[in-house]
Amino acid sequence: MGERKFSTPERIEQRAYELYVERGGEDGGDLADWLAAERELTELPEQPNSNAPQARATAANLQATPPKGLP
């Protein structure tokens, strides 16, 4: 049987609980834990050899180039 797949809210809940335990299980930080977990799990990881600058430049060029046949 394979590993269970969690939905995003379940994953965030699990990670928020892990953060709670990591900080000693003290009450009062549930929102901060949730937001930190959400940020960790929903942001795209940095890619060291990313083509992002090139992709942005290409997208900018496409937006700046008028369609053929228009003045």
Protein backbone atom coordinates (compact mmCIF):
# COMPACT_ATOMS: atom_id res chain seq x y z
CA MET A 1 0.00 0.00 0.00
CA GLY A 2 1.37 3.47 -0.91
CA GLU A 3 1.87 6.58 1.13
CA ARG A 4 -1.32 8.46 1.93
CA LYS A 5 -1.72 11.69 -0.02
CA PHE A 6 -2.86 14.63 2.08
CA SER A 7 -4.83 17.56 0.77
CA THR A 8 -3.25 20.96 1.18
CA PRO A 9 -5.28 21.89 4.31
CA GLU A 10 -4.34 18.56 5.93
CA ARG A 11 -0.67 19.09 5.09
CA ILE A 12 -0.78 22.62 6.50
CA GLU A 13 -2.47 21.36 9.66
CA GLN A 14 0.16 18.64 10.10
CA ARG A 15 3.04 21.08 9.55
CA ALA A 16 1.47 23.66 11.90
CA TYR A 17 1.29 20.97 14.59
CA GLU A 18 4.95 20.09 13.99
CA LEU A 19 5.87 23.76 14.42
CA TYR A 20 3.82 23.88 17.65
CA VAL A 21 5.72 20.87 19.01
CA GLU A 22 9.07 22.32 17.86
CA ARG A 23 8.45 25.51 19.85
CA GLY A 24 7.69 23.57 23.01
CA GLY A 25 3.92 23.13 22.77
CA GLU A 26 3.16 26.53 24.26
CA ASP A 27 -0.34 27.87 23.68
CA GLY A 28 -1.00 31.13 21.90
CA GLY A 29 0.90 30.69 18.64
CA ASP A 30 -1.60 28.69 16.62
CA LEU A 31 -2.21 31.38 14.01
CA ALA A 32 1.51 32.05 13.58
CA ASP A 33 2.16 28.30 13.27
CA TRP A 34 -0.61 27.93 10.68
CA LEU A 35 0.61 30.87 8.62
CA ALA A 36 4.22 29.67 8.74
CA ALA A 37 3.16 26.17 7.67
CA GLU A 38 1.00 27.57 4.88
CA ARG A 39 3.87 29.73 3.65
CA GLU A 40 6.30 26.77 3.72
CA LEU A 41 3.97 24.45 1.83
CA THR A 42 2.47 26.78 -0.75
CA GLU A 43 5.43 28.89 -1.86
CA LEU A 44 7.48 27.57 -4.73
CA PRO A 45 10.97 26.52 -3.70
CA GLU A 46 13.92 28.52 -4.97
CA GLN A 47 15.57 26.85 -7.94
CA PRO A 48 19.35 27.41 -7.95
CA ASN A 49 19.66 27.06 -11.75
CA SER A 50 16.30 28.55 -12.55
CA ASN A 51 15.47 30.06 -15.92
CA ALA A 52 13.07 32.46 -14.19
CA PRO A 53 14.91 35.67 -15.22
CA GLN A 54 15.01 34.44 -18.82
CA ALA A 55 11.34 33.44 -18.68
CA ARG A 56 10.38 36.86 -17.33
CA ALA A 57 12.40 38.59 -20.07
CA THR A 58 10.75 36.43 -22.72
CA ALA A 59 7.29 37.18 -21.32
CA ALA A 60 8.08 40.91 -21.28
CA ASN A 61 9.22 40.75 -24.90
CA LEU A 62 6.07 38.93 -25.93
CA GLN A 63 3.91 41.55 -24.24
CA ALA A 64 5.88 44.39 -25.84
CA THR A 65 5.73 42.96 -29.37
CA PRO A 66 2.61 43.98 -31.30
CA PRO A 67 0.88 41.27 -33.34
CA LYS A 68 1.96 41.00 -36.99
CA GLY A 69 -0.11 43.02 -39.39
CA LEU A 70 -0.80 45.85 -36.95
CA PRO A 71 0.94 49.23 -37.27
